PDB file of N, CA and C in Angstrom:
ATOM      1  N   MET A   1       0.804  -0.879   0.180  1.00  0.00           N
ATOM      2  CA  MET A   1      -0.066   0.444   0.048  1.00  0.00           C
ATOM      3  C   MET A   1       1.179   1.439   0.360  1.00  0.00           C
ATOM      4  N   SER A   2       0.716   1.970  -0.987  1.00  0.00           N
ATOM      5  CA  SER A   2       1.172   3.000  -1.151  1.00  0.00           C
ATOM      6  C   SER A   2       1.048   4.722   0.306  1.00  0.00           C
ATOM      7  N   THR A   3       2.225   5.373   0.584  1.00  0.00           N
ATOM      8  CA  THR A   3       2.099   5.701   1.566  1.00  0.00           C
ATOM      9  C   THR A   3       1.182   7.252   1.220  1.00  0.00           C
ATOM     10  N   TRP A   4       0.958   7.882   0.005  1.00  0.00           N
ATOM     11  CA  TRP A   4      -0.197   8.161  -0.572  1.00  0.00           C
ATOM     12  C   TRP A   4      -1.489   7.469  -0.992  1.00  0.00           C
ATOM     13  N   PRO A   5      -2.673   8.320  -0.968  1.00  0.00           N
ATOM     14  CA  PRO A   5      -3.742   7.286  -1.054  1.00  0.00           C
ATOM     15  C   PRO A   5      -4.366   7.516  -2.746  1.00  0.00           C
ATOM     16  N   HIS A   6      -3.839   8.858  -3.679  1.00  0.00           N
ATOM     17  CA  HIS A   6      -3.855   9.608  -4.605  1.00  0.00           C
ATOM     18  C   HIS A   6      -3.335   9.167  -5.471  1.00  0.00           C
ATOM     19  N   PHE A   7      -3.472   9.107  -7.343  1.00  0.00           N
ATOM     20  CA  PHE A   7      -2.592   8.597  -8.346  1.00  0.00           C
ATOM     21  C   PHE A   7      -1.513  10.037  -8.350  1.00  0.00           C
ATOM     22  N   GLY A   8      -1.863  11.041  -8.589  1.00  0.00           N
ATOM     23  CA  GLY A   8      -0.978  11.867  -8.804  1.00  0.00           C
ATOM     24  C   GLY A   8       0.238  12.049  -7.853  1.00  0.00           C
ATOM     25  N   THR A   9      -0.078  12.088  -6.635  1.00  0.00           N
ATOM     26  CA  THR A   9       1.089  11.777  -5.394  1.00  0.00           C
ATOM     27  C   THR A   9       1.501  11.509  -4.752  1.00  0.00           C
ATOM     28  N   ASN A  10       1.723  10.254  -5.403  1.00  0.00           N
ATOM     29  CA  ASN A  10       2.613   9.191  -5.164  1.00  0.00           C
ATOM     30  C   ASN A  10       3.213   8.955  -6.643  1.00  0.00           C
ATOM     31  N   ALA A  11       2.311   9.949  -8.342  1.00  0.00           N
ATOM     32  CA  ALA A  11       4.031  10.068  -9.288  1.00  0.00           C
ATOM     33  C   ALA A  11       4.677  10.644  -8.378  1.00  0.00           C
ATOM     34  N   ILE A  12       4.340  11.094  -7.494  1.00  0.00           N
ATOM     35  CA  ILE A  12       5.754  12.679  -7.875  1.00  0.00           C
ATOM     36  C   ILE A  12       6.536  12.821  -6.674  1.00  0.00           C
ATOM     37  N   HIS A  13       5.980  11.539  -5.525  1.00  0.00           N
ATOM     38  CA  HIS A  13       6.048  12.254  -4.321  1.00  0.00           C
ATOM     39  C   HIS A  13       6.849  10.348  -4.209  1.00  0.00           C
ATOM     40  N   VAL A  14       6.861   8.732  -4.438  1.00  0.00           N
ATOM     41  CA  VAL A  14       7.555   8.154  -4.540  1.00  0.00           C
ATOM     42  C   VAL A  14       8.578   7.857  -5.094  1.00  0.00           C
ATOM     43  N   GLY A  15       9.765   8.007  -4.674  1.00  0.00           N
ATOM     44  CA  GLY A  15      11.010   7.633  -4.530  1.00  0.00           C
ATOM     45  C   GLY A  15      11.805   9.070  -5.015  1.00  0.00           C
ATOM     46  N   GLN A  16      11.526  10.398  -4.295  1.00  0.00           N
ATOM     47  CA  GLN A  16      12.327  11.892  -4.558  1.00  0.00           C
ATOM     48  C   GLN A  16      12.808  11.837  -2.900  1.00  0.00           C
ATOM     49  N   ASP A  17      13.065  10.639  -2.324  1.00  0.00           N
ATOM     50  CA  ASP A  17      13.304  11.640  -0.710  1.00  0.00           C
ATOM     51  C   ASP A  17      14.624  11.951  -0.267  1.00  0.00           C
ATOM     52  N   PRO A  18      14.612  13.075  -0.743  1.00  0.00           N
ATOM     53  CA  PRO A  18      16.193  13.445  -0.315  1.00  0.00           C
ATOM     54  C   PRO A  18      17.239  12.790   0.212  1.00  0.00           C
ATOM     55  N   GLU A  19      16.905  12.081   1.070  1.00  0.00           N
ATOM     56  CA  GLU A  19      18.192  11.726   2.420  1.00  0.00           C
ATOM     57  C   GLU A  19      18.811   9.882   1.856  1.00  0.00           C
ATOM     58  N   GLN A  20      18.139   9.790   0.594  1.00  0.00           N
ATOM     59  CA  GLN A  20      18.715   9.519  -0.418  1.00  0.00           C
ATOM     60  C   GLN A  20      20.111   9.641  -1.834  1.00  0.00           C
ATOM     61  N   TRP A  21      20.438  11.446  -0.945  1.00  0.00           N
ATOM     62  CA  TRP A  21      21.396  11.670  -2.810  1.00  0.00           C
ATOM     63  C   TRP A  21      22.093  12.230  -1.192  1.00  0.00           C
ATOM     64  N   ASN A  22      23.185  12.029  -1.580  1.00  0.00           N
ATOM     65  CA  ASN A  22      24.873  12.319  -1.009  1.00  0.00           C
ATOM     66  C   ASN A  22      24.699  13.747  -1.075  1.00  0.00           C
ATOM     67  N   CYS A  23      23.737  15.127  -2.077  1.00  0.00           N
ATOM     68  CA  CYS A  23      24.223  16.102  -1.770  1.00  0.00           C
ATOM     69  C   CYS A  23      23.097  16.428  -1.201  1.00  0.00           C
ATOM     70  N   LYS A  24      21.701  15.988  -0.658  1.00  0.00           N
ATOM     71  CA  LYS A  24      20.276  15.622  -0.849  1.00  0.00           C
ATOM     72  C   LYS A  24      19.983  17.280  -1.284  1.00  0.00           C
ATOM     73  N   ALA A  25      19.659  16.649  -2.213  1.00  0.00           N
ATOM     74  CA  ALA A  25      18.881  17.772  -3.393  1.00  0.00           C
ATOM     75  C   ALA A  25      17.249  16.906  -2.766  1.00  0.00           C
ATOM     76  N   ILE A  26      16.398  18.377  -3.224  1.00  0.00           N
ATOM     77  CA  ILE A  26      14.539  17.982  -3.277  1.00  0.00           C
ATOM     78  C   ILE A  26      14.411  16.864  -3.845  1.00  0.00           C
ATOM     79  N   VAL A  27      14.480  17.593  -5.293  1.00  0.00           N
ATOM     80  CA  VAL A  27      13.855  16.980  -6.912  1.00  0.00           C
ATOM     81  C   VAL A  27      15.721  16.595  -6.969  1.00  0.00           C
ATOM     82  N   PRO A  28      15.281  15.226  -7.278  1.00  0.00           N
ATOM     83  CA  PRO A  28      16.466  13.989  -7.774  1.00  0.00           C
ATOM     84  C   PRO A  28      17.464  14.793  -8.822  1.00  0.00           C
ATOM     85  N   PRO A  29      18.486  14.413  -8.980  1.00  0.00           N
ATOM     86  CA  PRO A  29      19.815  14.886  -9.952  1.00  0.00           C
ATOM     87  C   PRO A  29      19.985  14.307 -10.945  1.00  0.00           C
ATOM     88  N   ILE A  30      20.029  14.895 -12.604  1.00  0.00           N
ATOM     89  CA  ILE A  30      19.873  13.822 -13.468  1.00  0.00           C
ATOM     90  C   ILE A  30      21.100  13.266 -14.044  1.00  0.00           C
ATOM     91  N   PHE A  31      21.315  12.045 -13.824  1.00  0.00           N
ATOM     92  CA  PHE A  31      22.948  11.038 -14.154  1.00  0.00           C
ATOM     93  C   PHE A  31      22.336  10.921 -15.269  1.00  0.00           C
ATOM     94  N   THR A  32      23.516  11.859 -15.756  1.00  0.00           N
ATOM     95  CA  THR A  32      23.335  11.134 -17.499  1.00  0.00           C
ATOM     96  C   THR A  32      24.728  10.467 -17.684  1.00  0.00           C
ATOM     97  N   CYS A  33      25.940  11.090 -17.317  1.00  0.00           N
ATOM     98  CA  CYS A  33      27.337   9.761 -17.084  1.00  0.00           C
ATOM     99  C   CYS A  33      27.411  10.411 -15.261  1.00  0.00           C
ATOM    100  N   THR A  34      28.747   9.168 -15.210  1.00  0.00           N
ATOM    101  CA  THR A  34      29.291   9.715 -14.549  1.00  0.00           C
ATOM    102  C   THR A  34      29.423   7.848 -13.890  1.00  0.00           C
ATOM    103  N   THR A  35      31.017   8.169 -12.691  1.00  0.00           N
ATOM    104  CA  THR A  35      32.502   7.400 -12.179  1.00  0.00           C
ATOM    105  C   THR A  35      31.961   7.007 -11.185  1.00  0.00           C
ATOM    106  N   TYR A  36      31.673   5.467 -10.876  1.00  0.00           N
ATOM    107  CA  TYR A  36      30.774   5.660  -9.210  1.00  0.00           C
ATOM    108  C   TYR A  36      32.352   4.827  -8.354  1.00  0.00           C
ATOM    109  N   LYS A  37      32.693   5.329  -7.614  1.00  0.00           N
ATOM    110  CA  LYS A  37      33.354   5.059  -5.892  1.00  0.00           C
ATOM    111  C   LYS A  37      33.611   4.100  -5.608  1.00  0.00           C
ATOM    112  N   GLN A  38      34.248   3.110  -5.853  1.00  0.00           N
ATOM    113  CA  GLN A  38      34.087   1.471  -4.846  1.00  0.00           C
ATOM    114  C   GLN A  38      34.579   1.570  -3.792  1.00  0.00           C
ATOM    115  N   ASP A  39      34.148   1.605  -2.202  1.00  0.00           N
ATOM    116  CA  ASP A  39      34.232   1.327  -0.516  1.00  0.00           C
ATOM    117  C   ASP A  39      35.468   0.078  -1.528  1.00  0.00           C
ATOM    118  N   GLU A  40      35.597  -0.657  -1.285  1.00  0.00           N
ATOM    119  CA  GLU A  40      36.864  -1.971  -1.749  1.00  0.00           C
ATOM    120  C   GLU A  40      36.587  -2.986  -2.672  1.00  0.00           C
ATOM    121  N   PRO A  41      37.266  -3.594  -3.401  1.00  0.00           N
ATOM    122  CA  PRO A  41      37.773  -4.359  -4.642  1.00  0.00           C
ATOM    123  C   PRO A  41      36.590  -5.563  -3.906  1.00  0.00           C
ATOM    124  N   GLY A  42      35.996  -5.579  -5.219  1.00  0.00           N
ATOM    125  CA  GLY A  42      34.471  -6.530  -5.623  1.00  0.00           C
ATOM    126  C   GLY A  42      33.487  -6.685  -4.168  1.00  0.00           C
ATOM    127  N   LYS A  43      33.568  -5.507  -4.433  1.00  0.00           N
ATOM    128  CA  LYS A  43      32.019  -4.835  -3.538  1.00  0.00           C
ATOM    129  C   LYS A  43      31.037  -3.220  -4.597  1.00  0.00           C
ATOM    130  N   PRO A  44      31.191  -3.612  -4.819  1.00  0.00           N
ATOM    131  CA  PRO A  44      31.027  -2.463  -5.634  1.00  0.00           C
ATOM    132  C   PRO A  44      29.283  -1.561  -5.003  1.00  0.00           C
ATOM    133  N   PRO A  45      28.944  -0.843  -5.452  1.00  0.00           N
ATOM    134  CA  PRO A  45      28.241   0.232  -4.477  1.00  0.00           C
ATOM    135  C   PRO A  45      26.545   0.036  -5.197  1.00  0.00           C
ATOM    136  N   MET A  46      25.799   0.333  -5.196  1.00  0.00           N
ATOM    137  CA  MET A  46      24.181   0.002  -6.029  1.00  0.00           C
ATOM    138  C   MET A  46      24.332  -0.438  -7.410  1.00  0.00           C
ATOM    139  N   HIS A  47      24.894   0.965  -7.734  1.00  0.00           N
ATOM    140  CA  HIS A  47      24.770   1.632  -8.707  1.00  0.00           C
ATOM    141  C   HIS A  47      27.046   1.518  -9.460  1.00  0.00           C
ATOM    142  N   ASP A  48      27.229   0.745 -10.257  1.00  0.00           N
ATOM    143  CA  ASP A  48      28.375   0.602 -10.158  1.00  0.00           C
ATOM    144  C   ASP A  48      28.036   0.664 -11.844  1.00  0.00           C
ATOM    145  N   TYR A  49      27.784   0.680 -12.558  1.00  0.00           N
ATOM    146  CA  TYR A  49      27.543   0.841 -14.687  1.00  0.00           C
ATOM    147  C   TYR A  49      26.941   1.764 -14.892  1.00  0.00           C
ATOM    148  N   ILE A  50      27.060   3.127 -15.505  1.00  0.00           N
ATOM    149  CA  ILE A  50      25.602   4.090 -15.913  1.00  0.00           C
ATOM    150  C   ILE A  50      24.670   2.844 -16.547  1.00  0.00           C
ATOM    151  N   ARG A  51      25.237   2.083 -17.318  1.00  0.00           N
ATOM    152  CA  ARG A  51      24.937   0.771 -18.414  1.00  0.00           C
ATOM    153  C   ARG A  51      23.647  -0.317 -17.698  1.00  0.00           C
ATOM    154  N   ASP A  52      23.937  -0.066 -16.295  1.00  0.00           N
ATOM    155  CA  ASP A  52      23.229  -1.609 -16.003  1.00  0.00           C
ATOM    156  C   ASP A  52      21.727  -0.466 -15.461  1.00  0.00           C
ATOM    157  N   GLY A  53      22.224   0.775 -15.414  1.00  0.00           N
ATOM    158  CA  GLY A  53      21.108   1.710 -13.820  1.00  0.00           C
ATOM    159  C   GLY A  53      21.876   2.896 -13.862  1.00  0.00           C
ATOM    160  N   ASN A  54      20.612   3.544 -12.886  1.00  0.00           N
ATOM    161  CA  ASN A  54      21.894   5.044 -12.556  1.00  0.00           C
ATOM    162  C   ASN A  54      20.597   5.795 -11.679  1.00  0.00           C
ATOM    163  N   PRO A  55      20.752   6.083 -10.348  1.00  0.00           N
ATOM    164  CA  PRO A  55      19.799   6.716  -9.502  1.00  0.00           C
ATOM    165  C   PRO A  55      18.170   7.207 -10.254  1.00  0.00           C
ATOM    166  N   THR A  56      19.193   8.066 -11.200  1.00  0.00           N
ATOM    167  CA  THR A  56      17.635   8.751 -11.798  1.00  0.00           C
ATOM    168  C   THR A  56      16.607   7.665 -12.807  1.00  0.00           C
ATOM    169  N   ARG A  57      17.411   6.494 -13.125  1.00  0.00           N
ATOM    170  CA  ARG A  57      16.698   5.680 -13.292  1.00  0.00           C
ATOM    171  C   ARG A  57      15.880   5.108 -12.253  1.00  0.00           C
ATOM    172  N   THR A  58      16.747   4.824 -11.389  1.00  0.00           N
ATOM    173  CA  THR A  58      16.283   4.106 -10.027  1.00  0.00           C
ATOM    174  C   THR A  58      14.651   5.082  -9.487  1.00  0.00           C
ATOM    175  N   THR A  59      14.894   5.733  -8.957  1.00  0.00           N
ATOM    176  CA  THR A  59      14.511   6.495  -9.551  1.00  0.00           C
ATOM    177  C   THR A  59      12.849   6.640  -9.753  1.00  0.00           C
ATOM    178  N   LEU A  60      12.897   6.718 -10.640  1.00  0.00           N
ATOM    179  CA  LEU A  60      11.346   7.022 -12.386  1.00  0.00           C
ATOM    180  C   LEU A  60      10.912   5.261 -11.937  1.00  0.00           C
ATOM    181  N   GLU A  61      11.439   4.428 -11.746  1.00  0.00           N
ATOM    182  CA  GLU A  61      10.969   3.024 -11.891  1.00  0.00           C
ATOM    183  C   GLU A  61      10.120   3.137 -10.064  1.00  0.00           C
ATOM    184  N   LYS A  62      10.723   3.347  -9.158  1.00  0.00           N
ATOM    185  CA  LYS A  62      10.435   3.051  -8.557  1.00  0.00           C
ATOM    186  C   LYS A  62       8.900   4.261  -8.498  1.00  0.00           C
ATOM    187  N   SER A  63       9.089   4.929  -8.833  1.00  0.00           N
ATOM    188  CA  SER A  63       7.232   6.008  -9.065  1.00  0.00           C
ATOM    189  C   SER A  63       6.447   4.951 -10.264  1.00  0.00           C
ATOM    190  N   LEU A  64       6.783   4.918 -10.961  1.00  0.00           N
ATOM    191  CA  LEU A  64       5.966   4.471 -11.890  1.00  0.00           C
ATOM    192  C   LEU A  64       5.197   2.686 -11.512  1.00  0.00           C
ATOM    193  N   ALA A  65       6.229   1.380 -10.946  1.00  0.00           N
ATOM    194  CA  ALA A  65       5.836   0.872  -9.806  1.00  0.00           C
ATOM    195  C   ALA A  65       5.048   1.227  -9.282  1.00  0.00           C
ATOM    196  N   ALA A  66       5.132   2.599  -8.254  1.00  0.00           N
ATOM    197  CA  ALA A  66       3.554   2.969  -7.543  1.00  0.00           C
ATOM    198  C   ALA A  66       2.710   2.832  -8.308  1.00  0.00           C
ATOM    199  N   CYS A  67       2.577   3.785  -9.312  1.00  0.00           N
ATOM    200  CA  CYS A  67       1.224   3.681 -10.056  1.00  0.00           C
ATOM    201  C   CYS A  67       0.031   2.803 -10.657  1.00  0.00           C
ATOM    202  N   GLU A  68       0.961   1.680 -10.663  1.00  0.00           N
ATOM    203  CA  GLU A  68       0.541   0.419 -11.348  1.00  0.00           C
ATOM    204  C   GLU A  68      -0.205  -0.003 -10.576  1.00  0.00           C
TER     205      GLU A  68
END
């Protein structure tokens, strides 16, 4: 069950938590290309290669899934 009862509210709020961004942006930044830092070899972060996924795409996927 979604936190918000209305379709439009879900569409704009799901996946938009500012705490997930290192820069604490209110609106998720658009990542078109970047290099990701690994804390240690063999343990990649959630996003490690831009073509496999990125924070912008993950936010969009969460928003669309909540609207279904």
